[in-house]
Amino acid sequence: MESFLEFVIRQLVDVPEEVFITRLEHGHKLIFKVEMRQADVGKVIGRNGHTITALRNLLSAAAARTGHQVVLQIVE
């Protein structure tokens, strides 16, 4: 799941080398914190938040198969 997230986000940003993902696990909750350049944040969020919402929905669906919840945070 983390590799999928990293792949998608790196495709969206201008400088993929500056994307860093931290994974935290608290019980059945997975938290992904994504750090990137400030200029790339808007590209990942998308117009009206559609891109980040779609990404969160995909992660949630994948995590539900294993009984986990997923939180995706953009760290500025």
PDB file of N, CA and C in Angstrom:
ATOM      1  N   MET A   1       0.825  -1.193   0.000  1.00  0.00           N
ATOM      2  CA  MET A   1       0.000   0.000   0.000  1.00  0.00           C
ATOM      3  C   MET A   1       0.871   1.258   0.000  1.00  0.00           C
ATOM      4  N   GLU A   2       1.948   1.216   0.775  1.00  0.00           N
ATOM      5  CA  GLU A   2       2.842   2.374   0.831  1.00  0.00           C
ATOM      6  C   GLU A   2       3.527   2.598  -0.516  1.00  0.00           C
ATOM      7  N   SER A   3       3.915   1.526  -1.181  1.00  0.00           N
ATOM      8  CA  SER A   3       4.576   1.667  -2.481  1.00  0.00           C
ATOM      9  C   SER A   3       3.603   2.225  -3.523  1.00  0.00           C
ATOM     10  N   PHE A   4       2.334   1.816  -3.454  1.00  0.00           N
ATOM     11  CA  PHE A   4       1.315   2.360  -4.347  1.00  0.00           C
ATOM     12  C   PHE A   4       1.165   3.865  -4.123  1.00  0.00           C
ATOM     13  N   LEU A   5       1.053   4.257  -2.856  1.00  0.00           N
ATOM     14  CA  LEU A   5       0.917   5.667  -2.509  1.00  0.00           C
ATOM     15  C   LEU A   5       2.102   6.471  -3.018  1.00  0.00           C
ATOM     16  N   GLU A   6       3.298   5.952  -2.787  1.00  0.00           N
ATOM     17  CA  GLU A   6       4.509   6.649  -3.228  1.00  0.00           C
ATOM     18  C   GLU A   6       4.533   6.773  -4.754  1.00  0.00           C
ATOM     19  N   PHE A   7       4.185   5.716  -5.457  1.00  0.00           N
ATOM     20  CA  PHE A   7       4.172   5.745  -6.916  1.00  0.00           C
ATOM     21  C   PHE A   7       3.220   6.821  -7.431  1.00  0.00           C
ATOM     22  N   VAL A   8       1.998   6.841  -6.924  1.00  0.00           N
ATOM     23  CA  VAL A   8       0.993   7.791  -7.403  1.00  0.00           C
ATOM     24  C   VAL A   8       1.422   9.227  -7.116  1.00  0.00           C
ATOM     25  N   ILE A   9       1.857   9.497  -5.910  1.00  0.00           N
ATOM     26  CA  ILE A   9       2.227  10.866  -5.554  1.00  0.00           C
ATOM     27  C   ILE A   9       3.435  11.334  -6.359  1.00  0.00           C
ATOM     28  N   ARG A  10       4.405  10.463  -6.553  1.00  0.00           N
ATOM     29  CA  ARG A  10       5.587  10.848  -7.340  1.00  0.00           C
ATOM     30  C   ARG A  10       5.229  11.154  -8.793  1.00  0.00           C
ATOM     31  N   GLN A  11       4.168  10.554  -9.301  1.00  0.00           N
ATOM     32  CA  GLN A  11       3.718  10.840 -10.668  1.00  0.00           C
ATOM     33  C   GLN A  11       3.047  12.215 -10.751  1.00  0.00           C
ATOM     34  N   LEU A  12       2.505  12.694  -9.650  1.00  0.00           N
ATOM     35  CA  LEU A  12       1.764  13.953  -9.646  1.00  0.00           C
ATOM     36  C   LEU A  12       2.646  15.185  -9.467  1.00  0.00           C
ATOM     37  N   VAL A  13       3.784  15.043  -8.796  1.00  0.00           N
ATOM     38  CA  VAL A  13       4.594  16.199  -8.421  1.00  0.00           C
ATOM     39  C   VAL A  13       5.676  16.493  -9.464  1.00  0.00           C
ATOM     40  N   ASP A  14       6.235  17.712  -9.384  1.00  0.00           N
ATOM     41  CA  ASP A  14       7.311  18.118 -10.294  1.00  0.00           C
ATOM     42  C   ASP A  14       8.667  17.558  -9.885  1.00  0.00           C
ATOM     43  N   VAL A  15       8.895  17.429  -8.574  1.00  0.00           N
ATOM     44  CA  VAL A  15      10.180  16.948  -8.069  1.00  0.00           C
ATOM     45  C   VAL A  15       9.939  15.696  -7.224  1.00  0.00           C
ATOM     46  N   PRO A  16       9.874  14.524  -7.862  1.00  0.00           N
ATOM     47  CA  PRO A  16       9.548  13.296  -7.132  1.00  0.00           C
ATOM     48  C   PRO A  16      10.593  12.900  -6.089  1.00  0.00           C
ATOM     49  N   GLU A  17      11.810  13.357  -6.251  1.00  0.00           N
ATOM     50  CA  GLU A  17      12.864  13.019  -5.284  1.00  0.00           C
ATOM     51  C   GLU A  17      12.628  13.663  -3.930  1.00  0.00           C
ATOM     52  N   GLU A  18      11.775  14.663  -3.879  1.00  0.00           N
ATOM     53  CA  GLU A  18      11.517  15.372  -2.629  1.00  0.00           C
ATOM     54  C   GLU A  18      10.189  14.952  -1.988  1.00  0.00           C
ATOM     55  N   VAL A  19       9.732  13.760  -2.304  1.00  0.00           N
ATOM     56  CA  VAL A  19       8.535  13.199  -1.679  1.00  0.00           C
ATOM     57  C   VAL A  19       8.995  12.179  -0.649  1.00  0.00           C
ATOM     58  N   PHE A  20       8.563  12.366   0.591  1.00  0.00           N
ATOM     59  CA  PHE A  20       8.926  11.465   1.686  1.00  0.00           C
ATOM     60  C   PHE A  20       7.653  11.016   2.388  1.00  0.00           C
ATOM     61  N   ILE A  21       7.530   9.715   2.565  1.00  0.00           N
ATOM     62  CA  ILE A  21       6.337   9.153   3.198  1.00  0.00           C
ATOM     63  C   ILE A  21       6.745   8.447   4.485  1.00  0.00           C
ATOM     64  N   THR A  22       6.072   8.817   5.567  1.00  0.00           N
ATOM     65  CA  THR A  22       6.288   8.184   6.864  1.00  0.00           C
ATOM     66  C   THR A  22       5.039   7.382   7.197  1.00  0.00           C
ATOM     67  N   ARG A  23       5.249   6.142   7.597  1.00  0.00           N
ATOM     68  CA  ARG A  23       4.122   5.268   7.950  1.00  0.00           C
ATOM     69  C   ARG A  23       4.138   5.022   9.453  1.00  0.00           C
ATOM     70  N   LEU A  24       3.006   5.302  10.096  1.00  0.00           N
ATOM     71  CA  LEU A  24       2.835   5.033  11.515  1.00  0.00           C
ATOM     72  C   LEU A  24       1.676   4.051  11.665  1.00  0.00           C
ATOM     73  N   GLU A  25       1.790   3.156  12.626  1.00  0.00           N
ATOM     74  CA  GLU A  25       0.726   2.179  12.842  1.00  0.00           C
ATOM     75  C   GLU A  25       0.294   2.240  14.302  1.00  0.00           C
ATOM     76  N   HIS A  26      -0.986   2.472  14.511  1.00  0.00           N
ATOM     77  CA  HIS A  26      -1.576   2.523  15.851  1.00  0.00           C
ATOM     78  C   HIS A  26      -2.745   1.541  15.876  1.00  0.00           C
ATOM     79  N   GLY A  27      -2.505   0.329  16.346  1.00  0.00           N
ATOM     80  CA  GLY A  27      -3.563  -0.679  16.357  1.00  0.00           C
ATOM     81  C   GLY A  27      -3.994  -1.019  14.949  1.00  0.00           C
ATOM     82  N   HIS A  28      -5.261  -0.775  14.650  1.00  0.00           N
ATOM     83  CA  HIS A  28      -5.796  -1.050  13.309  1.00  0.00           C
ATOM     84  C   HIS A  28      -5.827   0.201  12.442  1.00  0.00           C
ATOM     85  N   LYS A  29      -5.090   1.220  12.845  1.00  0.00           N
ATOM     86  CA  LYS A  29      -5.076   2.462  12.075  1.00  0.00           C
ATOM     87  C   LYS A  29      -3.688   2.675  11.477  1.00  0.00           C
ATOM     88  N   LEU A  30      -3.632   2.882  10.168  1.00  0.00           N
ATOM     89  CA  LEU A  30      -2.397   3.207   9.475  1.00  0.00           C
ATOM     90  C   LEU A  30      -2.419   4.693   9.150  1.00  0.00           C
ATOM     91  N   ILE A  31      -1.351   5.380   9.507  1.00  0.00           N
ATOM     92  CA  ILE A  31      -1.246   6.805   9.229  1.00  0.00           C
ATOM     93  C   ILE A  31      -0.076   7.015   8.282  1.00  0.00           C
ATOM     94  N   PHE A  32      -0.357   7.616   7.149  1.00  0.00           N
ATOM     95  CA  PHE A  32       0.681   7.959   6.185  1.00  0.00           C
ATOM     96  C   PHE A  32       0.844   9.472   6.187  1.00  0.00           C
ATOM     97  N   LYS A  33       2.043   9.926   6.513  1.00  0.00           N
ATOM     98  CA  LYS A  33       2.349  11.354   6.480  1.00  0.00           C
ATOM     99  C   LYS A  33       3.243  11.598   5.269  1.00  0.00           C
ATOM    100  N   VAL A  34       2.803  12.480   4.398  1.00  0.00           N
ATOM    101  CA  VAL A  34       3.508  12.729   3.149  1.00  0.00           C
ATOM    102  C   VAL A  34       4.091  14.139   3.186  1.00  0.00           C
ATOM    103  N   GLU A  35       5.398  14.215   2.981  1.00  0.00           N
ATOM    104  CA  GLU A  35       6.090  15.507   2.916  1.00  0.00           C
ATOM    105  C   GLU A  35       6.557  15.736   1.486  1.00  0.00           C
ATOM    106  N   MET A  36       6.413  16.974   1.027  1.00  0.00           N
ATOM    107  CA  MET A  36       6.834  17.342  -0.321  1.00  0.00           C
ATOM    108  C   MET A  36       7.067  18.837  -0.376  1.00  0.00           C
ATOM    109  N   ARG A  37       7.547  19.289  -1.524  1.00  0.00           N
ATOM    110  CA  ARG A  37       7.745  20.726  -1.696  1.00  0.00           C
ATOM    111  C   ARG A  37       6.398  21.445  -1.630  1.00  0.00           C
ATOM    112  N   GLN A  38       6.425  22.635  -1.094  1.00  0.00           N
ATOM    113  CA  GLN A  38       5.208  23.433  -0.966  1.00  0.00           C
ATOM    114  C   GLN A  38       4.541  23.651  -2.329  1.00  0.00           C
ATOM    115  N   ALA A  39       5.341  23.822  -3.361  1.00  0.00           N
ATOM    116  CA  ALA A  39       4.793  24.066  -4.701  1.00  0.00           C
ATOM    117  C   ALA A  39       4.034  22.861  -5.249  1.00  0.00           C
ATOM    118  N   ASP A  40       4.316  21.670  -4.741  1.00  0.00           N
ATOM    119  CA  ASP A  40       3.677  20.454  -5.232  1.00  0.00           C
ATOM    120  C   ASP A  40       2.423  20.057  -4.452  1.00  0.00           C
ATOM    121  N   VAL A  41       2.197  20.678  -3.326  1.00  0.00           N
ATOM    122  CA  VAL A  41       1.051  20.306  -2.478  1.00  0.00           C
ATOM    123  C   VAL A  41      -0.267  20.462  -3.233  1.00  0.00           C
ATOM    124  N   GLY A  42      -0.421  21.539  -3.956  1.00  0.00           N
ATOM    125  CA  GLY A  42      -1.652  21.785  -4.700  1.00  0.00           C
ATOM    126  C   GLY A  42      -1.923  20.735  -5.759  1.00  0.00           C
ATOM    127  N   LYS A  43      -0.872  20.215  -6.357  1.00  0.00           N
ATOM    128  CA  LYS A  43      -1.038  19.180  -7.382  1.00  0.00           C
ATOM    129  C   LYS A  43      -1.559  17.886  -6.774  1.00  0.00           C
ATOM    130  N   VAL A  44      -1.121  17.569  -5.570  1.00  0.00           N
ATOM    131  CA  VAL A  44      -1.561  16.341  -4.907  1.00  0.00           C
ATOM    132  C   VAL A  44      -2.985  16.507  -4.368  1.00  0.00           C
ATOM    133  N   ILE A  45      -3.298  17.681  -3.874  1.00  0.00           N
ATOM    134  CA  ILE A  45      -4.651  17.925  -3.361  1.00  0.00           C
ATOM    135  C   ILE A  45      -5.656  17.978  -4.510  1.00  0.00           C
ATOM    136  N   GLY A  46      -5.300  18.648  -5.589  1.00  0.00           N
ATOM    137  CA  GLY A  46      -6.175  18.729  -6.754  1.00  0.00           C
ATOM    138  C   GLY A  46      -7.251  19.783  -6.602  1.00  0.00           C
ATOM    139  N   ARG A  47      -7.924  20.039  -7.691  1.00  0.00           N
ATOM    140  CA  ARG A  47      -8.974  21.050  -7.690  1.00  0.00           C
ATOM    141  C   ARG A  47     -10.127  20.594  -6.798  1.00  0.00           C
ATOM    142  N   ASN A  48     -10.483  21.436  -5.855  1.00  0.00           N
ATOM    143  CA  ASN A  48     -11.544  21.152  -4.877  1.00  0.00           C
ATOM    144  C   ASN A  48     -11.282  19.885  -4.073  1.00  0.00           C
ATOM    145  N   GLY A  49     -10.020  19.458  -4.005  1.00  0.00           N
ATOM    146  CA  GLY A  49      -9.661  18.302  -3.205  1.00  0.00           C
ATOM    147  C   GLY A  49     -10.009  16.957  -3.830  1.00  0.00           C
ATOM    148  N   HIS A  50     -10.334  16.963  -5.105  1.00  0.00           N
ATOM    149  CA  HIS A  50     -10.764  15.722  -5.757  1.00  0.00           C
ATOM    150  C   HIS A  50      -9.653  14.674  -5.824  1.00  0.00           C
ATOM    151  N   THR A  51      -8.428  15.092  -6.083  1.00  0.00           N
ATOM    152  CA  THR A  51      -7.331  14.126  -6.218  1.00  0.00           C
ATOM    153  C   THR A  51      -7.020  13.456  -4.890  1.00  0.00           C
ATOM    154  N   ILE A  52      -6.890  14.242  -3.834  1.00  0.00           N
ATOM    155  CA  ILE A  52      -6.564  13.664  -2.524  1.00  0.00           C
ATOM    156  C   ILE A  52      -7.721  12.813  -2.008  1.00  0.00           C
ATOM    157  N   THR A  53      -8.953  13.209  -2.305  1.00  0.00           N
ATOM    158  CA  THR A  53     -10.113  12.418  -1.891  1.00  0.00           C
ATOM    159  C   THR A  53     -10.124  11.066  -2.588  1.00  0.00           C
ATOM    160  N   ALA A  54      -9.836  11.050  -3.879  1.00  0.00           N
ATOM    161  CA  ALA A  54      -9.793   9.788  -4.626  1.00  0.00           C
ATOM    162  C   ALA A  54      -8.685   8.887  -4.092  1.00  0.00           C
ATOM    163  N   LEU A  55      -7.540   9.471  -3.789  1.00  0.00           N
ATOM    164  CA  LEU A  55      -6.422   8.697  -3.258  1.00  0.00           C
ATOM    165  C   LEU A  55      -6.762   8.115  -1.886  1.00  0.00           C
ATOM    166  N   ARG A  56      -7.398   8.917  -1.043  1.00  0.00           N
ATOM    167  CA  ARG A  56      -7.824   8.421   0.280  1.00  0.00           C
ATOM    168  C   ARG A  56      -8.836   7.293   0.150  1.00  0.00           C
ATOM    169  N   ASN A  57      -9.754   7.417  -0.804  1.00  0.00           N
ATOM    170  CA  ASN A  57     -10.761   6.368  -1.013  1.00  0.00           C
ATOM    171  C   ASN A  57     -10.114   5.063  -1.470  1.00  0.00           C
ATOM    172  N   LEU A  58      -9.144   5.141  -2.370  1.00  0.00           N
ATOM    173  CA  LEU A  58      -8.444   3.938  -2.823  1.00  0.00           C
ATOM    174  C   LEU A  58      -7.687   3.273  -1.680  1.00  0.00           C
ATOM    175  N   LEU A  59      -6.995   4.083  -0.882  1.00  0.00           N
ATOM    176  CA  LEU A  59      -6.256   3.535   0.259  1.00  0.00           C
ATOM    177  C   LEU A  59      -7.198   2.909   1.279  1.00  0.00           C
ATOM    178  N   SER A  60      -8.315   3.551   1.529  1.00  0.00           N
ATOM    179  CA  SER A  60      -9.289   3.024   2.495  1.00  0.00           C
ATOM    180  C   SER A  60      -9.863   1.698   2.025  1.00  0.00           C
ATOM    181  N   ALA A  61     -10.149   1.597   0.743  1.00  0.00           N
ATOM    182  CA  ALA A  61     -10.698   0.347   0.200  1.00  0.00           C
ATOM    183  C   ALA A  61      -9.674  -0.784   0.320  1.00  0.00           C
ATOM    184  N   ALA A  62      -8.425  -0.492   0.019  1.00  0.00           N
ATOM    185  CA  ALA A  62      -7.378  -1.511   0.122  1.00  0.00           C
ATOM    186  C   ALA A  62      -7.159  -1.920   1.577  1.00  0.00           C
ATOM    187  N   ALA A  63      -7.198  -0.959   2.479  1.00  0.00           N
ATOM    188  CA  ALA A  63      -6.957  -1.250   3.895  1.00  0.00           C
ATOM    189  C   ALA A  63      -8.124  -2.007   4.522  1.00  0.00           C
ATOM    190  N   ALA A  64      -9.317  -1.770   4.034  1.00  0.00           N
ATOM    191  CA  ALA A  64     -10.495  -2.433   4.595  1.00  0.00           C
ATOM    192  C   ALA A  64     -10.420  -3.946   4.422  1.00  0.00           C
ATOM    193  N   ARG A  65      -9.733  -4.395   3.400  1.00  0.00           N
ATOM    194  CA  ARG A  65      -9.587  -5.834   3.167  1.00  0.00           C
ATOM    195  C   ARG A  65      -8.815  -6.507   4.290  1.00  0.00           C
ATOM    196  N   THR A  66      -7.956  -5.749   4.956  1.00  0.00           N
ATOM    197  CA  THR A  66      -7.160  -6.301   6.059  1.00  0.00           C
ATOM    198  C   THR A  66      -7.671  -5.836   7.419  1.00  0.00           C
ATOM    199  N   GLY A  67      -8.790  -5.121   7.432  1.00  0.00           N
ATOM    200  CA  GLY A  67      -9.373  -4.676   8.690  1.00  0.00           C
ATOM    201  C   GLY A  67      -8.713  -3.440   9.270  1.00  0.00           C
ATOM    202  N   HIS A  68      -8.059  -2.649   8.446  1.00  0.00           N
ATOM    203  CA  HIS A  68      -7.395  -1.429   8.909  1.00  0.00           C
ATOM    204  C   HIS A  68      -8.166  -0.192   8.459  1.00  0.00           C
ATOM    205  N   GLN A  69      -7.864   0.897   9.128  1.00  0.00           N
ATOM    206  CA  GLN A  69      -8.313   2.222   8.704  1.00  0.00           C
ATOM    207  C   GLN A  69      -7.075   2.965   8.243  1.00  0.00           C
ATOM    208  N   VAL A  70      -7.244   3.878   7.290  1.00  0.00           N
ATOM    209  CA  VAL A  70      -6.109   4.632   6.770  1.00  0.00           C
ATOM    210  C   VAL A  70      -6.362   6.116   6.931  1.00  0.00           C
ATOM    211  N   VAL A  71      -5.313   6.821   7.372  1.00  0.00           N
ATOM    212  CA  VAL A  71      -5.327   8.273   7.446  1.00  0.00           C
ATOM    213  C   VAL A  71      -4.184   8.762   6.569  1.00  0.00           C
ATOM    214  N   LEU A  72      -4.488   9.667   5.654  1.00  0.00           N
ATOM    215  CA  LEU A  72      -3.473  10.237   4.774  1.00  0.00           C
ATOM    216  C   LEU A  72      -3.352  11.721   5.092  1.00  0.00           C
ATOM    217  N   GLN A  73      -2.166  12.119   5.541  1.00  0.00           N
ATOM    218  CA  GLN A  73      -1.935  13.516   5.922  1.00  0.00           C
ATOM    219  C   GLN A  73      -0.850  14.107   5.034  1.00  0.00           C
ATOM    220  N   ILE A  74      -1.089  15.336   4.591  1.00  0.00           N
ATOM    221  CA  ILE A  74      -0.077  16.084   3.858  1.00  0.00           C
ATOM    222  C   ILE A  74       0.604  16.997   4.870  1.00  0.00           C
ATOM    223  N   VAL A  75       1.907  16.820   5.043  1.00  0.00           N
ATOM    224  CA  VAL A  75       2.675  17.621   5.999  1.00  0.00           C
ATOM    225  C   VAL A  75       3.318  18.765   5.240  1.00  0.00           C
ATOM    226  N   GLU A  76       3.062  19.987   5.690  1.00  0.00           N
ATOM    227  CA  GLU A  76       3.630  21.161   5.019  1.00  0.00           C
ATOM    228  C   GLU A  76       4.857  21.648   5.736  1.00  0.00           C
TER     229      GLU A  76
END
